[in-house]
Amino acid sequence: MDAFVARHRSAVTAVLSGFDRLVFRGTLLPLVRPRGMYSFLTRAGVRLLDFKKYVEKTSERIKEASLAEATRLGRPVRYLESSRINKEDLVRRILAEDPVEEGLICAFRVVEPCMSFEYHLSSDRRERGLRLRPRKCLHVYKYYLHRTFGLLGARLQTWFPFNVQIWINGREWLAWDLRKRGREDFLRQDNCFTRLGDPKLAQRLMDRQLTLDWPRALGGVARTLNPLHDKVFAPWPQDYYWSVYQSEWATDLLFRDPASLARVYPALVRHATLHFQSPDVMRFLGRKPHGNFTGELVSSFKQRAEGVRVKHWVHGNSIKMYDKAGSVLRIETTIANPADFKVFRPLHDRPTGRFAWRPMRKGVADLHRRAQVSQRSNENYLDALATVDDLTPLQEILDAVSRPTFYRGRRLRALRIGYAEDLDLLRVVSRGEFATAGFRNRDLRPLLYPRQVDAQPERARQLAARLGRHLRLLRAHGLIRKLPKSHRYRLTDKGHQLAAALFAARRANLKQLLAMAA
């Protein structure tokens, strides 16, 4: 990122990194399985034959208690006929018509799909009992101007197991913090800042968001959604387990004016769409991403209301670039499947045990690490874009890899830039989806050898060994580096520069090359 900022230092006035959209899910873990639900009913003294009456009565009590706050404060409560209605737009209209300084803005009642329990009757004892099944039930949405987060939305499933979802926006939170400090020296448009009077203060406040006691803060919001929680679960007290369903970490580069960004953005878009190849999925705005994507990998270029957007996606995680509000260049990493990343921790059931690099969890315990890898992804993406308008002569870039080199005492051949196999390897390792978690040998094999995906085990081992030798060649020339304590690799700055220069030159025609060389 430093290279990109240095290249555009005269036009960039500030850089701000932090969470944009965060979606949390609260789950009562003992109740996610029928056995746990049965244990709760036993402790509450409820017979299975009385299950339906009990849960209907409990659900009605919770609906009434949840909406009592809005009735007491005289805030709007509306029934929405469709879950597709844009609730945040409706909230902002209500807030404009009937403003509040702090506290509850409004509440909505919506019937939506959920997973809940039913008592299944059967003459066969093996089939009889509680079953967790898809169904529909009433959900209560409540929106607040929260004293900590600013604008906050929350949803309660009003049927067992009473799942909760809470979403906040890090930029909204920052604006709320700045105003509480009496700072009005900033301009904000939608969910980004176009001007910051004190960028260092803004970044410190964004960094401080990571130090919050998340279980306590989110638990407080959950209690306002369901004021009867402690009474309902008095026979078996329990708290919500909080996980991060979606996280968006954005790095904003604030340009001096729209014209300054407009001069460089078309070249960045062209570079990203032609050089980075990746799958495109829908934006994360309440729509669940599909982590089992097996379709064709493509790049996405789309014109949206907030700007021109380029997006790359793999395994439920994505990285995208777009121009916000005319003068803000935003690079944003979205993580919905954290298992592709690692965190240094003990086993979850042995907190005092041996630390090791283990898969990242969805729980809020790994939120700080999630921020680290997201920031790293944004920086890697900007480093790749720093090669745009690079004035290094092509001769110098190609000569560096066109001679043999030594790696761990062994002589390795030069990179053959006109050889199809070497070109395919460079093209694959520079794909956009590998900018987030890097790539492994097994990630590249289906892309380089698509006709041999279902090869016999012996042939698969031969292909893995062959690709391993090619990766060693790239490491020897300094084009990729291995991530510590993992089997993953990532392109270096030199690798980004070579791939960008080589493929740009191969796509250019003779007239273009002669004009640039003149």
Protein backbone atom coordinates (compact mmCIF):
# COMPACT_ATOMS: atom_id res chain seq x y z
CA MET A 1 0.00 0.00 0.00
CA ASP A 2 2.88 2.36 0.77
CA ALA A 3 4.06 2.15 -2.84
CA PHE A 4 0.62 3.09 -4.16
CA VAL A 5 0.22 6.01 -1.73
CA ALA A 6 3.74 7.25 -2.51
CA ARG A 7 2.99 7.15 -6.25
CA HIS A 8 -0.13 9.30 -5.77
CA ARG A 9 1.02 11.33 -2.77
CA SER A 10 0.22 14.68 -4.36
CA ALA A 11 -3.45 13.71 -4.87
CA VAL A 12 -4.19 11.59 -1.76
CA THR A 13 -5.13 13.64 1.31
CA ALA A 14 -5.84 10.84 3.80
CA VAL A 15 -6.04 7.05 4.21
CA LEU A 16 -8.59 5.40 6.52
CA SER A 17 -8.85 1.66 7.23
CA GLY A 18 -11.41 -0.14 9.36
CA PHE A 19 -14.63 -2.09 9.44
CA ASP A 20 -17.45 -1.05 7.16
CA ARG A 21 -20.36 -3.46 7.55
CA LEU A 22 -20.39 -6.02 10.40
CA VAL A 23 -23.12 -8.63 10.83
CA PHE A 24 -23.18 -10.64 14.07
CA ARG A 25 -25.25 -13.70 14.89
CA GLY A 26 -26.21 -14.66 18.42
CA THR A 27 -26.91 -18.35 19.07
CA LEU A 28 -27.95 -20.18 22.23
CA LEU A 29 -25.62 -23.12 21.61
CA PRO A 30 -27.38 -25.67 23.88
CA LEU A 31 -30.55 -25.17 21.83
CA VAL A 32 -29.14 -25.74 18.36
CA ARG A 33 -29.79 -29.50 18.67
CA PRO A 34 -32.95 -31.39 19.64
CA ARG A 35 -31.16 -33.03 22.56
CA GLY A 36 -30.35 -29.63 24.09
CA MET A 37 -33.92 -28.42 23.55
CA TYR A 38 -35.23 -31.55 25.24
CA SER A 39 -32.91 -30.93 28.23
CA PHE A 40 -34.25 -27.38 28.55
CA LEU A 41 -37.87 -28.55 28.45
CA THR A 42 -37.12 -31.17 31.10
CA ARG A 43 -35.61 -28.54 33.41
CA ALA A 44 -38.57 -26.23 32.74
CA GLY A 45 -41.01 -29.03 33.61
CA VAL A 46 -42.65 -29.04 30.15
CA ARG A 47 -43.91 -32.33 28.69
CA LEU A 48 -43.31 -32.99 25.01
CA LEU A 49 -47.06 -33.35 24.51
CA ASP A 50 -47.41 -29.76 25.79
CA PHE A 51 -44.55 -28.48 23.63
CA LYS A 52 -46.68 -26.64 21.05
CA LYS A 53 -48.81 -24.82 23.64
CA TYR A 54 -45.73 -23.87 25.65
CA VAL A 55 -43.74 -22.41 22.75
CA GLU A 56 -46.77 -20.56 21.33
CA LYS A 57 -47.44 -18.96 24.70
CA THR A 58 -43.75 -18.10 25.20
CA SER A 59 -43.50 -16.64 21.69
CA GLU A 60 -46.53 -14.38 22.24
CA ARG A 61 -45.10 -13.10 25.52
CA ILE A 62 -41.76 -12.30 23.86
CA LYS A 63 -43.37 -10.48 20.92
CA GLU A 64 -45.38 -8.32 23.31
CA ALA A 65 -42.39 -7.60 25.57
CA SER A 66 -40.08 -6.82 22.64
CA LEU A 67 -42.48 -4.26 21.13
CA ALA A 68 -43.46 -2.72 24.49
CA GLU A 69 -40.48 -0.35 24.32
CA ALA A 70 -41.73 1.18 21.04
CA THR A 71 -45.26 1.53 22.47
CA ARG A 72 -43.94 3.22 25.62
CA LEU A 73 -41.77 5.67 23.67
CA GLY A 74 -44.35 6.33 20.97
CA ARG A 75 -42.07 5.10 18.19
CA PRO A 76 -43.45 3.61 14.93
CA VAL A 77 -44.15 -0.14 14.73
CA ARG A 78 -44.88 -1.38 11.21
CA TYR A 79 -45.75 -4.72 9.71
CA LEU A 80 -43.85 -5.38 6.47
CA GLU A 81 -45.48 -7.71 3.97
CA SER A 82 -42.18 -8.69 2.36
CA SER A 83 -38.70 -9.32 3.73
CA ARG A 84 -37.30 -7.82 0.51
CA ILE A 85 -38.30 -4.28 1.49
CA ASN A 86 -35.18 -2.17 2.06
CA LYS A 87 -35.47 -1.64 5.80
CA GLU A 88 -32.52 0.75 6.15
CA ASP A 89 -34.01 3.17 3.61
CA LEU A 90 -37.31 3.01 5.47
CA VAL A 91 -35.52 3.66 8.78
CA ARG A 92 -33.77 6.74 7.40
CA ARG A 93 -37.10 8.11 6.13
CA ILE A 94 -38.69 7.57 9.54
CA LEU A 95 -35.70 9.20 11.24
CA ALA A 96 -35.97 12.23 8.93
CA GLU A 97 -39.71 12.60 9.55
CA ASP A 98 -39.63 11.83 13.29
CA PRO A 99 -36.05 12.38 14.56
CA VAL A 100 -34.59 11.17 17.87
CA GLU A 101 -31.30 12.17 19.52
CA GLU A 102 -30.60 8.67 20.86
CA GLY A 103 -32.46 5.42 21.47
CA LEU A 104 -35.11 3.47 19.57
CA ILE A 105 -36.00 4.75 16.09
CA CYS A 106 -38.65 2.21 15.05
CA ALA A 107 -39.61 -1.47 14.99
CA PHE A 108 -40.77 -3.78 12.20
CA ARG A 109 -42.67 -7.06 12.25
CA VAL A 110 -41.81 -9.42 9.36
CA VAL A 111 -42.59 -13.07 8.70
CA GLU A 112 -39.41 -14.73 7.42
CA PRO A 113 -37.93 -18.23 7.03
CA CYS A 114 -36.09 -19.70 10.01
CA MET A 115 -34.98 -22.96 11.58
CA SER A 116 -37.08 -23.97 14.55
CA PHE A 117 -38.30 -26.96 16.54
CA GLU A 118 -41.39 -29.06 16.03
CA TYR A 119 -42.60 -32.05 17.99
CA HIS A 120 -42.94 -34.95 15.57
CA LEU A 121 -45.58 -37.55 16.42
CA SER A 122 -45.08 -41.05 15.09
CA SER A 123 -46.02 -44.59 15.96
CA ASP A 124 -42.35 -45.46 15.45
CA ARG A 125 -40.40 -44.53 18.62
CA ARG A 126 -37.26 -43.94 16.56
CA GLU A 127 -38.96 -41.17 14.55
CA ARG A 128 -40.84 -39.60 17.45
CA GLY A 129 -39.52 -36.47 19.17
CA LEU A 130 -38.23 -32.95 18.57
CA ARG A 131 -37.03 -32.03 15.11
CA LEU A 132 -35.23 -28.88 13.92
CA ARG A 133 -36.90 -27.96 10.65
CA PRO A 134 -37.20 -25.02 8.23
CA ARG A 135 -40.36 -23.01 8.79
CA LYS A 136 -41.57 -19.42 8.93
CA CYS A 137 -42.14 -17.29 11.98
CA LEU A 138 -42.45 -13.67 12.98
CA HIS A 139 -39.21 -11.72 13.35
CA VAL A 140 -38.98 -8.42 15.21
CA TYR A 141 -36.59 -5.82 13.78
CA LYS A 142 -35.53 -2.87 15.95
CA TYR A 143 -33.36 0.06 14.89
CA TYR A 144 -31.53 2.34 17.32
CA LEU A 145 -29.29 5.33 17.52
CA HIS A 146 -27.10 3.43 19.91
CA ARG A 147 -24.98 5.29 22.45
CA THR A 148 -21.86 3.37 21.29
CA PHE A 149 -22.42 2.32 17.68
CA GLY A 150 -24.64 5.04 16.25
CA LEU A 151 -27.18 3.60 13.80
CA LEU A 152 -27.69 -0.07 14.68
CA GLY A 153 -30.13 -2.73 13.48
CA ALA A 154 -31.12 -5.93 15.25
CA ARG A 155 -33.45 -8.85 14.56
CA LEU A 156 -35.02 -11.39 16.92
CA GLN A 157 -36.52 -14.71 15.86
CA THR A 158 -39.61 -14.93 18.09
CA TRP A 159 -39.74 -18.75 18.11
CA PHE A 160 -37.35 -21.19 19.74
CA PRO A 161 -34.32 -21.09 19.66
CA PHE A 162 -34.65 -17.24 19.52
CA ASN A 163 -31.68 -16.53 17.25
CA VAL A 164 -30.48 -12.92 17.10
CA GLN A 165 -28.79 -10.96 14.32
CA ILE A 166 -27.18 -7.53 14.82
CA TRP A 167 -25.58 -5.32 12.18
CA ILE A 168 -23.55 -2.16 12.53
CA ASN A 169 -21.40 0.03 10.29
CA GLY A 170 -17.89 1.01 11.32
CA ARG A 171 -18.02 4.34 9.43
CA GLU A 172 -21.35 5.20 11.07
CA TRP A 173 -19.75 4.36 14.42
CA LEU A 174 -16.77 6.63 13.62
CA ALA A 175 -19.03 9.57 12.68
CA TRP A 176 -20.97 9.05 15.93
CA ASP A 177 -17.69 9.07 17.92
CA LEU A 178 -16.42 12.21 16.19
CA ARG A 179 -19.65 14.10 16.88
CA LYS A 180 -19.60 13.07 20.54
CA ARG A 181 -16.13 14.64 20.71
CA GLY A 182 -17.50 17.86 19.22
CA ARG A 183 -15.72 17.35 15.90
CA GLU A 184 -17.61 18.59 12.85
CA ASP A 185 -14.58 19.03 10.58
CA PHE A 186 -15.44 16.12 8.33
CA LEU A 187 -17.68 15.47 5.33
CA ARG A 188 -19.52 12.19 4.98
CA GLN A 189 -21.47 10.79 2.06
CA ASP A 190 -23.37 7.54 2.57
CA ASN A 191 -20.92 5.20 4.34
CA CYS A 192 -17.65 6.92 3.47
CA PHE A 193 -15.81 10.12 4.37
CA THR A 194 -14.82 12.50 1.59
CA ARG A 195 -12.91 14.80 3.96
CA LEU A 196 -11.33 14.34 7.40
CA GLY A 197 -10.14 17.29 9.46
CA ASP A 198 -7.89 15.05 11.59
CA PRO A 199 -7.11 11.75 9.77
CA LYS A 200 -4.86 10.50 12.59
CA LEU A 201 -7.63 10.92 15.17
CA ALA A 202 -10.11 9.18 12.85
CA GLN A 203 -7.75 6.21 12.40
CA ARG A 204 -7.16 5.96 16.17
CA LEU A 205 -10.91 5.82 16.75
CA MET A 206 -11.30 3.16 14.05
CA ASP A 207 -8.51 1.11 15.65
CA ARG A 208 -10.18 1.45 19.05
CA GLN A 209 -13.25 -0.34 17.73
CA LEU A 210 -11.25 -3.57 17.84
CA THR A 211 -10.75 -3.31 21.61
CA LEU A 212 -14.47 -3.41 22.46
CA ASP A 213 -15.80 -6.14 24.76
CA TRP A 214 -18.02 -7.55 22.02
CA PRO A 215 -19.92 -10.25 23.98
CA ARG A 216 -20.92 -7.72 26.64
CA ALA A 217 -21.93 -4.99 24.14
CA LEU A 218 -23.87 -7.35 21.87
CA GLY A 219 -25.45 -9.10 24.85
CA GLY A 220 -26.82 -5.75 26.00
CA VAL A 221 -28.48 -5.23 22.61
CA ALA A 222 -29.93 -8.75 22.73
CA ARG A 223 -31.55 -8.02 26.10
CA THR A 224 -33.37 -5.02 24.62
CA LEU A 225 -34.67 -7.29 21.85
CA ASN A 226 -35.93 -9.87 24.33
CA PRO A 227 -36.49 -8.38 27.79
CA LEU A 228 -37.88 -11.73 28.98
CA HIS A 229 -34.70 -13.68 28.22
CA ASP A 230 -33.70 -14.19 31.87
CA LYS A 231 -37.24 -15.24 32.87
CA VAL A 232 -37.69 -17.67 29.99
CA PHE A 233 -34.32 -19.31 30.64
CA ALA A 234 -34.45 -19.19 34.45
CA PRO A 235 -34.60 -23.04 34.59
CA TRP A 236 -31.34 -23.19 32.61
CA PRO A 237 -29.50 -19.82 32.45
CA GLN A 238 -27.51 -19.25 29.25
CA ASP A 239 -26.03 -16.47 27.14
CA TYR A 240 -25.66 -16.02 23.43
CA TYR A 241 -22.58 -17.19 21.57
CA TRP A 242 -21.61 -14.41 19.14
CA SER A 243 -20.21 -15.11 15.71
CA VAL A 244 -19.42 -12.86 12.75
CA TYR A 245 -21.66 -13.76 9.84
CA GLN A 246 -20.19 -11.13 7.49
CA SER A 247 -17.41 -8.60 7.84
CA GLU A 248 -16.35 -5.89 5.41
CA TRP A 249 -13.00 -4.20 6.02
CA ALA A 250 -12.45 -1.14 3.85
CA THR A 251 -9.36 0.93 3.09
CA ASP A 252 -10.36 4.36 1.78
CA LEU A 253 -7.93 6.63 -0.05
CA LEU A 254 -9.33 10.17 -0.01
CA PHE A 255 -8.30 12.05 -3.15
CA ARG A 256 -8.09 15.84 -3.23
CA ASP A 257 -11.06 16.15 -5.61
CA PRO A 258 -13.06 13.99 -8.07
CA ALA A 259 -10.88 15.10 -10.98
CA SER A 260 -7.74 13.72 -9.28
CA LEU A 261 -9.30 10.28 -8.89
CA ALA A 262 -10.87 10.38 -12.35
CA ARG A 263 -7.41 10.78 -13.90
CA VAL A 264 -6.12 7.49 -12.49
CA TYR A 265 -9.21 5.34 -11.91
CA PRO A 266 -9.86 4.20 -15.52
CA ALA A 267 -6.31 2.80 -15.69
CA LEU A 268 -6.81 1.02 -12.33
CA VAL A 269 -10.09 -0.51 -13.51
CA ARG A 270 -8.54 -1.62 -16.80
CA HIS A 271 -5.61 -3.19 -14.97
CA ALA A 272 -7.85 -4.97 -12.44
CA THR A 273 -10.27 -6.36 -15.02
CA LEU A 274 -7.62 -7.52 -17.48
CA HIS A 275 -4.92 -8.63 -15.06
CA PHE A 276 -6.86 -9.98 -12.09
CA GLN A 277 -9.13 -12.88 -13.02
CA SER A 278 -11.69 -13.91 -10.40
CA PRO A 279 -15.30 -15.01 -9.89
CA ASP A 280 -18.08 -12.51 -9.45
CA VAL A 281 -20.92 -12.87 -6.92
CA MET A 282 -23.64 -10.63 -5.61
CA ARG A 283 -22.79 -7.95 -3.10
CA PHE A 284 -23.03 -8.74 0.57
CA LEU A 285 -26.15 -6.79 1.48
CA GLY A 286 -28.05 -9.36 3.48
CA ARG A 287 -27.75 -12.06 0.81
CA LYS A 288 -26.01 -15.25 1.88
CA PRO A 289 -22.87 -16.04 -0.17
CA HIS A 290 -22.41 -19.55 -1.54
CA GLY A 291 -19.13 -21.08 -0.40
CA ASN A 292 -19.40 -24.11 -2.74
CA PHE A 293 -18.92 -22.14 -5.97
CA THR A 294 -17.65 -24.40 -8.75
CA GLY A 295 -18.53 -22.33 -11.83
CA GLU A 296 -16.34 -20.51 -14.31
CA LEU A 297 -13.92 -18.00 -12.80
CA VAL A 298 -14.39 -14.55 -14.31
CA SER A 299 -13.69 -10.91 -13.51
CA SER A 300 -16.53 -8.51 -12.79
CA PHE A 301 -16.85 -4.93 -13.93
CA LYS A 302 -20.08 -3.14 -13.04
CA GLN A 303 -21.41 0.39 -13.03
CA ARG A 304 -23.34 1.04 -9.81
CA ALA A 305 -24.92 4.10 -8.26
CA GLU A 306 -21.98 4.55 -5.89
CA GLY A 307 -19.35 4.14 -8.62
CA VAL A 308 -17.59 1.73 -10.97
CA ARG A 309 -16.87 -1.52 -9.17
CA VAL A 310 -14.45 -4.39 -9.85
CA LYS A 311 -14.86 -7.46 -7.67
CA HIS A 312 -13.03 -10.78 -7.19
CA TRP A 313 -14.41 -13.69 -5.21
CA VAL A 314 -13.51 -17.20 -4.05
CA HIS A 315 -14.83 -19.57 -1.34
CA GLY A 316 -17.22 -17.00 0.10
CA ASN A 317 -14.53 -14.31 0.50
CA SER A 318 -14.13 -11.35 -1.82
CA ILE A 319 -12.08 -8.27 -2.50
CA LYS A 320 -13.41 -5.34 -4.51
CA MET A 321 -12.45 -1.89 -5.67
CA TYR A 322 -14.69 1.05 -6.49
CA ASP A 323 -14.78 4.83 -6.52
CA LYS A 324 -17.05 6.17 -3.79
CA ALA A 325 -18.60 9.63 -3.82
CA GLY A 326 -16.43 10.61 -6.78
CA SER A 327 -13.24 11.25 -4.79
CA VAL A 328 -12.72 8.14 -2.62
CA LEU A 329 -10.92 5.03 -3.85
CA ARG A 330 -12.11 2.11 -1.72
CA ILE A 331 -10.53 -1.35 -1.50
CA GLU A 332 -12.73 -3.67 0.54
CA THR A 333 -12.23 -7.25 1.73
CA THR A 334 -15.31 -9.23 2.73
CA ILE A 335 -14.90 -12.42 4.76
CA ALA A 336 -17.81 -14.82 5.12
CA ASN A 337 -15.79 -18.05 5.21
CA PRO A 338 -12.89 -17.45 7.66
CA ALA A 339 -11.64 -21.06 7.61
CA ASP A 340 -9.35 -20.17 4.66
CA PHE A 341 -7.27 -18.03 7.05
CA LYS A 342 -5.18 -18.93 10.08
CA VAL A 343 -4.98 -17.61 13.63
CA PHE A 344 -2.37 -18.42 16.28
CA ARG A 345 -4.41 -19.96 19.10
CA PRO A 346 -4.90 -23.07 21.24
CA LEU A 347 -7.70 -25.54 20.67
CA HIS A 348 -11.08 -24.06 21.63
CA ASP A 349 -11.66 -26.70 24.32
CA ARG A 350 -8.11 -26.38 25.72
CA PRO A 351 -7.57 -22.63 26.31
CA THR A 352 -4.35 -23.26 28.25
CA GLY A 353 -2.99 -25.74 25.72
CA ARG A 354 -0.35 -25.44 23.02
CA PHE A 355 -0.64 -22.52 20.61
CA ALA A 356 -0.50 -23.26 16.88
CA TRP A 357 -1.71 -21.80 13.58
CA ARG A 358 -5.26 -23.07 13.32
CA PRO A 359 -8.23 -22.21 11.06
CA MET A 360 -9.89 -18.91 11.89
CA ARG A 361 -13.27 -19.24 13.57
CA LYS A 362 -16.44 -17.23 13.05
CA GLY A 363 -16.60 -16.34 16.75
CA VAL A 364 -15.86 -12.79 17.89
CA ALA A 365 -12.75 -14.12 19.67
CA ASP A 366 -10.97 -14.06 16.28
CA LEU A 367 -12.32 -10.67 15.17
CA HIS A 368 -8.97 -8.94 15.72
CA ARG A 369 -7.21 -11.48 13.50
CA ARG A 370 -9.95 -11.08 10.90
CA ALA A 371 -9.12 -7.37 10.81
CA GLN A 372 -5.41 -8.16 10.34
CA VAL A 373 -5.87 -10.48 7.36
CA SER A 374 -8.42 -8.13 5.78
CA GLN A 375 -6.02 -5.20 6.03
CA ARG A 376 -3.26 -7.34 4.58
CA SER A 377 -5.52 -8.26 1.64
CA ASN A 378 -6.30 -4.61 0.95
CA GLU A 379 -2.61 -3.71 1.10
CA ASN A 380 -1.69 -6.56 -1.27
CA TYR A 381 -4.33 -5.40 -3.73
CA LEU A 382 -3.05 -1.82 -3.63
CA ASP A 383 0.52 -3.09 -4.02
CA ALA A 384 -0.59 -4.89 -7.19
CA LEU A 385 -2.22 -1.70 -8.47
CA ALA A 386 0.94 0.29 -7.75
CA THR A 387 2.42 -1.17 -10.94
CA VAL A 388 -0.02 0.91 -13.01
CA ASP A 389 1.88 3.81 -14.60
CA ASP A 390 5.16 2.26 -13.45
CA LEU A 391 7.98 3.83 -15.48
CA THR A 392 10.44 0.94 -15.03
CA PRO A 393 11.69 -0.11 -18.52
CA LEU A 394 10.29 -3.45 -19.68
CA GLN A 395 13.83 -4.56 -20.53
CA GLU A 396 14.86 -4.21 -16.91
CA ILE A 397 11.87 -6.21 -15.64
CA LEU A 398 12.29 -9.09 -18.11
CA ASP A 399 16.09 -9.28 -17.87
CA ALA A 400 15.83 -9.93 -14.13
CA VAL A 401 14.13 -13.31 -14.72
CA SER A 402 15.71 -14.23 -18.06
CA ARG A 403 18.89 -15.64 -16.58
CA PRO A 404 19.48 -18.76 -14.41
CA THR A 405 19.50 -18.29 -10.65
CA PHE A 406 20.45 -20.24 -7.53
CA TYR A 407 18.07 -21.42 -4.81
CA ARG A 408 19.32 -23.19 -1.67
CA GLY A 409 22.56 -24.12 -3.40
CA ARG A 410 20.92 -25.44 -6.57
CA ARG A 411 21.05 -23.83 -10.00
CA LEU A 412 17.61 -23.25 -11.50
CA ARG A 413 16.78 -22.29 -15.06
CA ALA A 414 15.66 -18.90 -16.30
CA LEU A 415 12.00 -18.09 -16.63
CA ARG A 416 10.93 -18.61 -20.26
CA ILE A 417 8.57 -15.73 -20.90
CA GLY A 418 7.65 -17.04 -24.35
CA TYR A 419 6.97 -20.58 -23.10
CA ALA A 420 3.27 -21.45 -22.76
CA GLU A 421 3.64 -23.41 -19.49
CA ASP A 422 5.51 -20.58 -17.74
CA LEU A 423 3.01 -18.02 -19.02
CA ASP A 424 0.04 -20.09 -17.82
CA LEU A 425 1.65 -20.45 -14.40
CA LEU A 426 2.18 -16.68 -14.09
CA ARG A 427 -1.35 -15.99 -15.27
CA VAL A 428 -2.88 -18.35 -12.70
CA VAL A 429 -0.87 -17.25 -9.64
CA SER A 430 -1.77 -13.60 -10.34
CA ARG A 431 -5.51 -14.26 -10.28
CA GLY A 432 -7.46 -11.81 -8.12
CA GLU A 433 -9.04 -14.42 -5.83
CA PHE A 434 -5.61 -15.33 -4.48
CA ALA A 435 -5.06 -11.78 -3.19
CA THR A 436 -6.94 -12.62 0.03
CA ALA A 437 -5.64 -15.95 1.37
CA GLY A 438 -2.90 -16.73 -1.15
CA PHE A 439 -2.78 -20.03 -3.06
CA ARG A 440 -1.71 -23.63 -2.54
CA ASN A 441 -0.42 -26.28 -4.89
CA ARG A 442 -3.83 -27.96 -4.87
CA ASP A 443 -5.59 -24.65 -5.67
CA LEU A 444 -3.60 -24.29 -8.88
CA ARG A 445 -3.82 -27.86 -10.20
CA PRO A 446 -7.47 -27.67 -11.41
CA LEU A 447 -6.69 -24.37 -13.15
CA LEU A 448 -3.51 -25.53 -14.87
CA TYR A 449 -4.55 -29.12 -15.60
CA PRO A 450 -8.38 -28.96 -15.92
CA ARG A 451 -8.61 -32.17 -17.96
CA GLN A 452 -6.84 -34.16 -15.27
CA VAL A 453 -8.85 -33.09 -12.21
CA ASP A 454 -10.15 -36.65 -11.77
CA ALA A 455 -6.79 -38.27 -12.48
CA GLN A 456 -5.75 -41.47 -10.73
CA PRO A 457 -3.91 -40.98 -7.39
CA GLU A 458 -0.52 -41.78 -8.92
CA ARG A 459 -1.05 -39.25 -11.73
CA ALA A 460 -2.33 -36.66 -9.24
CA ARG A 461 0.88 -37.04 -7.22
CA GLN A 462 2.95 -36.57 -10.37
CA LEU A 463 1.08 -33.37 -11.22
CA ALA A 464 1.53 -32.08 -7.65
CA ALA A 465 5.26 -32.76 -7.79
CA ARG A 466 5.55 -31.12 -11.21
CA LEU A 467 3.72 -28.02 -10.02
CA GLY A 468 5.85 -27.98 -6.87
CA ARG A 469 8.97 -27.67 -9.04
CA HIS A 470 7.41 -24.77 -10.95
CA LEU A 471 6.55 -22.99 -7.70
CA ARG A 472 10.13 -23.49 -6.53
CA LEU A 473 11.27 -21.82 -9.74
CA LEU A 474 9.04 -18.79 -9.05
CA ARG A 475 10.37 -18.61 -5.48
CA ALA A 476 13.95 -18.73 -6.73
CA HIS A 477 13.31 -15.71 -8.95
CA GLY A 478 11.63 -13.83 -6.11
CA LEU A 479 8.19 -13.77 -7.76
CA ILE A 480 6.31 -15.54 -4.97
CA ARG A 481 6.94 -16.02 -1.27
CA LYS A 482 5.76 -18.72 1.12
CA LEU A 483 3.52 -17.66 3.98
CA PRO A 484 4.98 -18.66 7.38
CA LYS A 485 3.85 -21.99 8.84
CA SER A 486 1.48 -22.76 5.97
CA HIS A 487 1.39 -24.33 2.51
CA ARG A 488 0.23 -21.08 0.93
CA TYR A 489 2.10 -18.67 -1.34
CA ARG A 490 1.53 -15.09 -2.38
CA LEU A 491 2.89 -12.93 -5.20
CA THR A 492 5.66 -10.50 -4.25
CA ASP A 493 5.91 -6.92 -5.50
CA LYS A 494 8.34 -8.16 -8.12
CA GLY A 495 5.85 -10.83 -9.17
CA HIS A 496 3.04 -8.31 -9.51
CA GLN A 497 5.28 -6.05 -11.57
CA LEU A 498 6.40 -8.84 -13.92
CA ALA A 499 2.87 -10.22 -14.45
CA ALA A 500 1.44 -6.76 -15.11
CA ALA A 501 4.20 -5.80 -17.53
CA LEU A 502 4.28 -9.10 -19.37
CA PHE A 503 0.57 -9.49 -19.98
CA ALA A 504 0.10 -5.82 -20.82
CA ALA A 505 2.85 -6.12 -23.43
CA ARG A 506 1.36 -9.31 -24.88
CA ARG A 507 -2.06 -7.65 -25.26
CA ALA A 508 -0.67 -4.50 -26.89
CA ASN A 509 -0.32 -4.26 -30.67
CA LEU A 510 2.80 -3.09 -32.49
CA LYS A 511 1.40 0.39 -33.11
CA GLN A 512 0.75 0.90 -29.39
CA LEU A 513 4.21 -0.34 -28.42
CA LEU A 514 5.96 1.89 -30.96
CA ALA A 515 3.94 4.91 -29.83
CA MET A 516 4.89 4.33 -26.19
CA ALA A 517 8.55 3.76 -27.04
CA ALA A 518 8.78 6.96 -29.11
